[in-house]
Amino acid sequence: MSVDIKGTLDTFCDLAKQYVNNALDDSISAEVTKIVATAKELCPVGTGEIQKAHVDKYGFHSGLMRDSIFGWVNKEKHMGWVKVPTTGMKDPYYGGMVHFGTVKMTARPFLYQAQERHMNDFPAEFQQALKKEVPEDRQG
């Protein structure tokens, strides 16, 4: 059996980097999506009278903070973020106060807990994404 290889070592290294970078971005994106969903589940939301009072007093429903949680991926840096807005009266600016607490309010953390729930998922997610990225005839 003979194998005909065309290209330089640099070509193969570039191809391997492309596979790894694409798999890394895909797995980071999948993890960010899972963390956002979990953070929304864990986010404290008032119900009943509290919810009605929020609409009457502040002009927005008490699920606004939960609904504003979002995530994004920077593919150049291979990093992902999950955030709840913390500025401006139109945003639920109080996200940090709820998560960390204040001198008048006990902390009700939800962002760190969401990340911790999925912290150990990343290696398997990356391995699965890499398998999808590399063509079967090149896996070995």
N, C-alpha and C. Protein backbone atom coordinates (compact mmCIF):
# COMPACT_ATOMS: atom_id res chain seq x y z
N MET A 1 0.84 -1.17 0.00
CA MET A 1 0.00 0.00 0.00
C MET A 1 0.89 1.23 0.00
N SER A 2 0.50 2.20 -0.78
CA SER A 2 1.24 3.45 -0.78
C SER A 2 0.28 4.61 -0.54
N VAL A 3 0.82 5.63 0.05
CA VAL A 3 0.02 6.82 0.35
C VAL A 3 0.63 7.99 -0.39
N ASP A 4 -0.18 8.69 -1.13
CA ASP A 4 0.29 9.84 -1.88
C ASP A 4 -0.11 11.10 -1.11
N ILE A 5 0.87 11.81 -0.60
CA ILE A 5 0.61 13.01 0.18
C ILE A 5 0.99 14.23 -0.64
N LYS A 6 0.03 15.14 -0.77
CA LYS A 6 0.29 16.37 -1.50
C LYS A 6 0.18 17.54 -0.53
N GLY A 7 1.17 18.37 -0.53
CA GLY A 7 1.14 19.52 0.36
C GLY A 7 2.36 19.51 1.27
N THR A 8 2.52 20.61 1.99
CA THR A 8 3.64 20.74 2.91
C THR A 8 3.15 20.53 4.34
N LEU A 9 4.09 20.42 5.23
CA LEU A 9 3.75 20.31 6.64
C LEU A 9 2.94 21.52 7.08
N ASP A 10 3.28 22.70 6.57
CA ASP A 10 2.53 23.92 6.89
C ASP A 10 1.07 23.79 6.46
N THR A 11 0.84 23.19 5.31
CA THR A 11 -0.53 22.99 4.81
C THR A 11 -1.32 22.13 5.79
N PHE A 12 -0.71 21.05 6.25
CA PHE A 12 -1.40 20.16 7.18
C PHE A 12 -1.61 20.82 8.54
N CYS A 13 -0.64 21.60 8.98
CA CYS A 13 -0.79 22.33 10.25
C CYS A 13 -1.91 23.36 10.15
N ASP A 14 -1.98 24.05 9.04
CA ASP A 14 -3.05 25.04 8.84
C ASP A 14 -4.41 24.36 8.83
N LEU A 15 -4.50 23.21 8.19
CA LEU A 15 -5.77 22.47 8.15
C LEU A 15 -6.16 22.00 9.56
N ALA A 16 -5.18 21.51 10.30
CA ALA A 16 -5.45 21.06 11.68
C ALA A 16 -5.91 22.23 12.54
N LYS A 17 -5.26 23.39 12.40
CA LYS A 17 -5.67 24.59 13.16
C LYS A 17 -7.10 24.98 12.82
N GLN A 18 -7.44 24.89 11.54
CA GLN A 18 -8.80 25.23 11.11
C GLN A 18 -9.81 24.28 11.75
N TYR A 19 -9.52 22.98 11.75
CA TYR A 19 -10.41 22.01 12.39
C TYR A 19 -10.59 22.33 13.87
N VAL A 20 -9.49 22.58 14.55
CA VAL A 20 -9.53 22.83 15.99
C VAL A 20 -10.25 24.15 16.29
N ASN A 21 -9.94 25.20 15.54
CA ASN A 21 -10.59 26.49 15.79
C ASN A 21 -12.10 26.42 15.54
N ASN A 22 -12.50 25.76 14.46
CA ASN A 22 -13.94 25.63 14.18
C ASN A 22 -14.63 24.82 15.26
N ALA A 23 -14.02 23.73 15.69
CA ALA A 23 -14.59 22.90 16.74
C ALA A 23 -14.66 23.67 18.06
N LEU A 24 -13.62 24.46 18.34
CA LEU A 24 -13.58 25.26 19.55
C LEU A 24 -14.73 26.28 19.56
N ASP A 25 -14.90 26.98 18.44
CA ASP A 25 -15.99 27.96 18.36
C ASP A 25 -17.36 27.30 18.49
N ASP A 26 -17.54 26.15 17.84
CA ASP A 26 -18.82 25.43 17.93
C ASP A 26 -19.11 24.98 19.35
N SER A 27 -18.09 24.46 20.03
CA SER A 27 -18.31 23.96 21.38
C SER A 27 -18.51 25.11 22.37
N ILE A 28 -17.80 26.20 22.19
CA ILE A 28 -18.01 27.37 23.05
C ILE A 28 -19.43 27.90 22.85
N SER A 29 -19.87 27.98 21.61
CA SER A 29 -21.22 28.45 21.32
C SER A 29 -22.28 27.55 21.96
N ALA A 30 -22.08 26.25 21.88
CA ALA A 30 -23.03 25.31 22.50
C ALA A 30 -23.06 25.48 24.01
N GLU A 31 -21.89 25.67 24.62
CA GLU A 31 -21.83 25.86 26.07
C GLU A 31 -22.48 27.18 26.49
N VAL A 32 -22.23 28.24 25.75
CA VAL A 32 -22.84 29.54 26.07
C VAL A 32 -24.36 29.42 26.00
N THR A 33 -24.86 28.74 24.99
CA THR A 33 -26.31 28.54 24.85
C THR A 33 -26.88 27.80 26.05
N LYS A 34 -26.18 26.76 26.50
CA LYS A 34 -26.65 26.00 27.66
C LYS A 34 -26.59 26.84 28.94
N ILE A 35 -25.53 27.61 29.10
CA ILE A 35 -25.38 28.43 30.30
C ILE A 35 -26.46 29.52 30.34
N VAL A 36 -26.75 30.14 29.20
CA VAL A 36 -27.81 31.16 29.14
C VAL A 36 -29.14 30.53 29.55
N ALA A 37 -29.46 29.37 29.01
CA ALA A 37 -30.73 28.71 29.34
C ALA A 37 -30.81 28.39 30.83
N THR A 38 -29.72 27.90 31.41
CA THR A 38 -29.71 27.57 32.84
C THR A 38 -29.79 28.83 33.69
N ALA A 39 -29.09 29.89 33.30
CA ALA A 39 -29.16 31.15 34.04
C ALA A 39 -30.59 31.69 34.04
N LYS A 40 -31.28 31.55 32.93
CA LYS A 40 -32.67 32.00 32.87
C LYS A 40 -33.57 31.16 33.78
N GLU A 41 -33.27 29.87 33.88
CA GLU A 41 -34.04 29.01 34.79
C GLU A 41 -33.79 29.39 36.25
N LEU A 42 -32.54 29.73 36.58
CA LEU A 42 -32.16 30.02 37.96
C LEU A 42 -32.46 31.46 38.39
N CYS A 43 -32.66 32.34 37.44
CA CYS A 43 -32.86 33.76 37.73
C CYS A 43 -34.13 33.96 38.56
N PRO A 44 -34.01 34.64 39.70
CA PRO A 44 -35.21 34.88 40.52
C PRO A 44 -36.18 35.82 39.81
N VAL A 45 -37.43 35.44 39.81
CA VAL A 45 -38.48 36.23 39.17
C VAL A 45 -39.65 36.32 40.13
N GLY A 46 -40.12 37.54 40.38
CA GLY A 46 -41.28 37.72 41.24
C GLY A 46 -42.54 37.24 40.54
N THR A 47 -43.51 36.81 41.32
CA THR A 47 -44.78 36.35 40.76
C THR A 47 -45.94 37.04 41.46
N GLY A 48 -47.11 36.89 40.92
CA GLY A 48 -48.32 37.40 41.55
C GLY A 48 -48.29 38.89 41.82
N GLU A 49 -48.47 39.25 43.09
CA GLU A 49 -48.53 40.66 43.50
C GLU A 49 -47.22 41.38 43.22
N ILE A 50 -46.12 40.68 43.43
CA ILE A 50 -44.81 41.32 43.19
C ILE A 50 -44.70 41.70 41.72
N GLN A 51 -45.11 40.78 40.84
CA GLN A 51 -45.02 41.05 39.42
C GLN A 51 -45.92 42.22 39.03
N LYS A 52 -47.14 42.25 39.55
CA LYS A 52 -48.08 43.33 39.27
C LYS A 52 -47.52 44.67 39.79
N ALA A 53 -46.93 44.65 40.98
CA ALA A 53 -46.36 45.87 41.56
C ALA A 53 -45.22 46.41 40.69
N HIS A 54 -44.42 45.54 40.12
CA HIS A 54 -43.32 45.96 39.25
C HIS A 54 -43.87 46.70 38.03
N VAL A 55 -44.90 46.15 37.43
CA VAL A 55 -45.47 46.79 36.24
C VAL A 55 -46.04 48.16 36.62
N ASP A 56 -46.78 48.21 37.72
CA ASP A 56 -47.38 49.47 38.16
C ASP A 56 -46.34 50.51 38.54
N LYS A 57 -45.32 50.09 39.28
CA LYS A 57 -44.34 51.03 39.82
C LYS A 57 -43.24 51.38 38.82
N TYR A 58 -42.71 50.36 38.11
CA TYR A 58 -41.53 50.58 37.26
C TYR A 58 -41.83 50.55 35.77
N GLY A 59 -42.99 50.06 35.39
CA GLY A 59 -43.34 50.03 33.98
C GLY A 59 -42.82 48.82 33.22
N PHE A 60 -42.26 47.84 33.93
CA PHE A 60 -41.83 46.61 33.27
C PHE A 60 -42.14 45.43 34.17
N HIS A 61 -42.26 44.26 33.55
CA HIS A 61 -42.60 43.06 34.31
C HIS A 61 -41.38 42.51 35.04
N SER A 62 -41.59 41.76 36.08
CA SER A 62 -40.49 41.29 36.92
C SER A 62 -39.66 40.19 36.26
N GLY A 63 -40.05 39.71 35.09
CA GLY A 63 -39.24 38.73 34.36
C GLY A 63 -38.28 39.37 33.38
N LEU A 64 -38.22 40.70 33.38
CA LEU A 64 -37.37 41.41 32.43
C LEU A 64 -35.90 41.04 32.59
N MET A 65 -35.44 40.91 33.84
CA MET A 65 -34.04 40.56 34.05
C MET A 65 -33.76 39.17 33.47
N ARG A 66 -34.63 38.22 33.76
CA ARG A 66 -34.46 36.87 33.22
C ARG A 66 -34.44 36.91 31.69
N ASP A 67 -35.37 37.65 31.11
CA ASP A 67 -35.49 37.70 29.66
C ASP A 67 -34.32 38.42 29.00
N SER A 68 -33.60 39.24 29.76
CA SER A 68 -32.50 40.01 29.17
C SER A 68 -31.16 39.28 29.19
N ILE A 69 -31.09 38.13 29.84
CA ILE A 69 -29.83 37.38 29.90
C ILE A 69 -29.47 36.93 28.49
N PHE A 70 -28.25 37.18 28.09
CA PHE A 70 -27.83 36.81 26.74
C PHE A 70 -26.36 36.36 26.75
N GLY A 71 -25.95 35.75 25.67
CA GLY A 71 -24.57 35.31 25.55
C GLY A 71 -24.08 35.54 24.13
N TRP A 72 -22.77 35.57 23.97
CA TRP A 72 -22.18 35.70 22.65
C TRP A 72 -20.79 35.07 22.65
N VAL A 73 -20.29 34.83 21.45
CA VAL A 73 -18.98 34.21 21.26
C VAL A 73 -18.13 35.13 20.39
N ASN A 74 -16.90 35.35 20.83
CA ASN A 74 -15.91 36.07 20.02
C ASN A 74 -15.03 35.01 19.37
N LYS A 75 -15.23 34.80 18.08
CA LYS A 75 -14.51 33.73 17.38
C LYS A 75 -13.03 34.04 17.18
N GLU A 76 -12.66 35.31 17.18
CA GLU A 76 -11.25 35.66 17.05
C GLU A 76 -10.48 35.27 18.31
N LYS A 77 -11.10 35.47 19.47
CA LYS A 77 -10.44 35.18 20.74
C LYS A 77 -10.82 33.81 21.29
N HIS A 78 -11.77 33.13 20.64
CA HIS A 78 -12.26 31.82 21.10
C HIS A 78 -12.72 31.91 22.55
N MET A 79 -13.60 32.90 22.80
CA MET A 79 -14.14 33.10 24.14
C MET A 79 -15.65 33.32 24.05
N GLY A 80 -16.33 32.96 25.13
CA GLY A 80 -17.76 33.19 25.20
C GLY A 80 -18.12 33.93 26.48
N TRP A 81 -19.20 34.69 26.44
CA TRP A 81 -19.66 35.44 27.58
C TRP A 81 -21.15 35.24 27.78
N VAL A 82 -21.56 35.34 29.02
CA VAL A 82 -22.97 35.35 29.38
C VAL A 82 -23.16 36.57 30.27
N LYS A 83 -24.22 37.33 29.99
CA LYS A 83 -24.35 38.62 30.68
C LYS A 83 -25.82 38.96 30.91
N VAL A 84 -26.04 39.73 31.95
CA VAL A 84 -27.33 40.40 32.17
C VAL A 84 -27.00 41.89 32.22
N PRO A 85 -27.73 42.72 31.46
CA PRO A 85 -27.40 44.16 31.44
C PRO A 85 -27.40 44.76 32.84
N THR A 86 -26.51 45.74 33.05
CA THR A 86 -26.42 46.36 34.37
C THR A 86 -26.40 47.88 34.30
N THR A 87 -26.76 48.45 33.16
CA THR A 87 -26.76 49.91 33.06
C THR A 87 -28.05 50.41 32.43
N GLY A 88 -28.43 51.59 32.76
CA GLY A 88 -29.58 52.24 32.14
C GLY A 88 -30.90 51.81 32.75
N MET A 89 -31.79 52.74 32.90
CA MET A 89 -33.08 52.44 33.53
C MET A 89 -33.97 51.58 32.65
N LYS A 90 -33.74 51.51 31.35
CA LYS A 90 -34.55 50.67 30.48
C LYS A 90 -34.15 49.21 30.62
N ASP A 91 -32.89 48.99 30.90
CA ASP A 91 -32.41 47.62 31.11
C ASP A 91 -32.73 47.21 32.54
N PRO A 92 -32.72 45.93 32.81
CA PRO A 92 -32.81 45.54 34.22
C PRO A 92 -31.45 45.76 34.87
N TYR A 93 -31.15 47.03 35.15
CA TYR A 93 -29.85 47.46 35.66
C TYR A 93 -29.49 46.82 37.00
N TYR A 94 -30.46 46.20 37.64
CA TYR A 94 -30.28 45.66 38.98
C TYR A 94 -29.76 44.23 38.98
N GLY A 95 -29.38 43.69 37.82
CA GLY A 95 -28.91 42.30 37.74
C GLY A 95 -27.76 42.01 38.69
N GLY A 96 -26.77 42.91 38.73
CA GLY A 96 -25.65 42.73 39.64
C GLY A 96 -26.06 42.79 41.10
N MET A 97 -27.02 43.65 41.39
CA MET A 97 -27.50 43.77 42.78
C MET A 97 -28.21 42.48 43.22
N VAL A 98 -28.99 41.90 42.33
CA VAL A 98 -29.68 40.65 42.65
C VAL A 98 -28.66 39.52 42.80
N HIS A 99 -27.74 39.45 41.86
CA HIS A 99 -26.76 38.35 41.88
C HIS A 99 -25.82 38.43 43.09
N PHE A 100 -25.27 39.61 43.35
CA PHE A 100 -24.27 39.77 44.42
C PHE A 100 -24.84 40.24 45.74
N GLY A 101 -26.05 40.82 45.71
CA GLY A 101 -26.65 41.36 46.92
C GLY A 101 -26.20 42.78 47.17
N THR A 102 -26.84 43.41 48.13
CA THR A 102 -26.49 44.78 48.54
C THR A 102 -26.52 44.79 50.07
N VAL A 103 -26.27 45.94 50.64
CA VAL A 103 -26.34 46.04 52.10
C VAL A 103 -27.77 45.84 52.58
N LYS A 104 -28.75 46.05 51.69
CA LYS A 104 -30.15 45.91 52.07
C LYS A 104 -30.81 44.63 51.52
N MET A 105 -30.08 43.88 50.71
CA MET A 105 -30.69 42.72 50.06
C MET A 105 -29.70 41.56 50.00
N THR A 106 -30.17 40.40 50.40
CA THR A 106 -29.33 39.20 50.34
C THR A 106 -29.08 38.82 48.89
N ALA A 107 -27.89 38.34 48.61
CA ALA A 107 -27.55 37.90 47.25
C ALA A 107 -28.40 36.70 46.84
N ARG A 108 -28.81 36.70 45.60
CA ARG A 108 -29.52 35.56 45.01
C ARG A 108 -28.81 35.20 43.70
N PRO A 109 -27.62 34.62 43.82
CA PRO A 109 -26.79 34.35 42.64
C PRO A 109 -27.43 33.35 41.68
N PHE A 110 -27.22 33.59 40.40
CA PHE A 110 -27.75 32.70 39.38
C PHE A 110 -26.79 32.54 38.20
N LEU A 111 -25.94 33.53 37.93
CA LEU A 111 -25.02 33.43 36.80
C LEU A 111 -23.88 32.45 37.07
N TYR A 112 -23.21 32.59 38.20
CA TYR A 112 -22.11 31.68 38.52
C TYR A 112 -22.60 30.24 38.62
N GLN A 113 -23.77 30.06 39.20
CA GLN A 113 -24.31 28.71 39.36
C GLN A 113 -24.59 28.07 38.00
N ALA A 114 -25.07 28.86 37.06
CA ALA A 114 -25.34 28.34 35.72
C ALA A 114 -24.04 27.89 35.06
N GLN A 115 -23.00 28.70 35.21
CA GLN A 115 -21.71 28.34 34.63
C GLN A 115 -21.13 27.10 35.30
N GLU A 116 -21.26 27.02 36.62
CA GLU A 116 -20.72 25.87 37.34
C GLU A 116 -21.41 24.57 36.95
N ARG A 117 -22.70 24.63 36.67
CA ARG A 117 -23.43 23.43 36.27
C ARG A 117 -22.89 22.83 34.97
N HIS A 118 -22.35 23.67 34.11
CA HIS A 118 -21.90 23.20 32.79
C HIS A 118 -20.38 23.18 32.64
N MET A 119 -19.66 23.50 33.71
CA MET A 119 -18.21 23.61 33.63
C MET A 119 -17.54 22.32 33.12
N ASN A 120 -18.04 21.19 33.55
CA ASN A 120 -17.42 19.93 33.16
C ASN A 120 -17.92 19.39 31.83
N ASP A 121 -18.87 20.07 31.20
CA ASP A 121 -19.41 19.62 29.91
C ASP A 121 -18.49 19.94 28.75
N PHE A 122 -17.62 20.93 28.90
CA PHE A 122 -16.86 21.44 27.77
C PHE A 122 -15.96 20.41 27.10
N PRO A 123 -15.17 19.62 27.82
CA PRO A 123 -14.29 18.67 27.12
C PRO A 123 -15.05 17.71 26.19
N ALA A 124 -16.17 17.18 26.65
CA ALA A 124 -16.95 16.27 25.80
C ALA A 124 -17.58 17.02 24.63
N GLU A 125 -18.02 18.24 24.88
CA GLU A 125 -18.61 19.07 23.82
C GLU A 125 -17.56 19.36 22.75
N PHE A 126 -16.34 19.69 23.18
CA PHE A 126 -15.26 19.98 22.24
C PHE A 126 -14.90 18.72 21.44
N GLN A 127 -14.80 17.60 22.10
CA GLN A 127 -14.46 16.35 21.42
C GLN A 127 -15.51 16.01 20.36
N GLN A 128 -16.76 16.18 20.71
CA GLN A 128 -17.85 15.91 19.77
C GLN A 128 -17.80 16.88 18.57
N ALA A 129 -17.54 18.15 18.85
CA ALA A 129 -17.46 19.15 17.78
C ALA A 129 -16.27 18.87 16.87
N LEU A 130 -15.15 18.44 17.44
CA LEU A 130 -13.97 18.13 16.64
C LEU A 130 -14.23 16.92 15.74
N LYS A 131 -14.95 15.93 16.27
CA LYS A 131 -15.29 14.76 15.46
C LYS A 131 -16.16 15.15 14.27
N LYS A 132 -17.08 16.08 14.49
CA LYS A 132 -17.94 16.55 13.41
C LYS A 132 -17.14 17.34 12.38
N GLU A 133 -16.14 18.07 12.85
CA GLU A 133 -15.36 18.95 11.98
C GLU A 133 -14.40 18.19 11.06
N VAL A 134 -13.76 17.16 11.60
CA VAL A 134 -12.76 16.41 10.83
C VAL A 134 -13.48 15.36 9.99
N PRO A 135 -13.25 15.36 8.67
CA PRO A 135 -13.89 14.35 7.83
C PRO A 135 -13.53 12.92 8.30
N GLU A 136 -14.47 12.01 8.15
CA GLU A 136 -14.26 10.64 8.64
C GLU A 136 -13.01 10.00 8.04
N ASP A 137 -12.74 10.27 6.77
CA ASP A 137 -11.58 9.64 6.14
C ASP A 137 -10.25 10.20 6.66
N ARG A 138 -10.33 11.26 7.47
CA ARG A 138 -9.11 11.83 8.05
C ARG A 138 -9.01 11.55 9.54
N GLN A 139 -10.00 10.87 10.10
CA GLN A 139 -9.93 10.49 11.51
C GLN A 139 -9.18 9.18 11.62
N GLY A 140 -8.43 9.06 12.70
CA GLY A 140 -7.70 7.79 12.81
C GLY A 140 -7.12 7.56 14.14
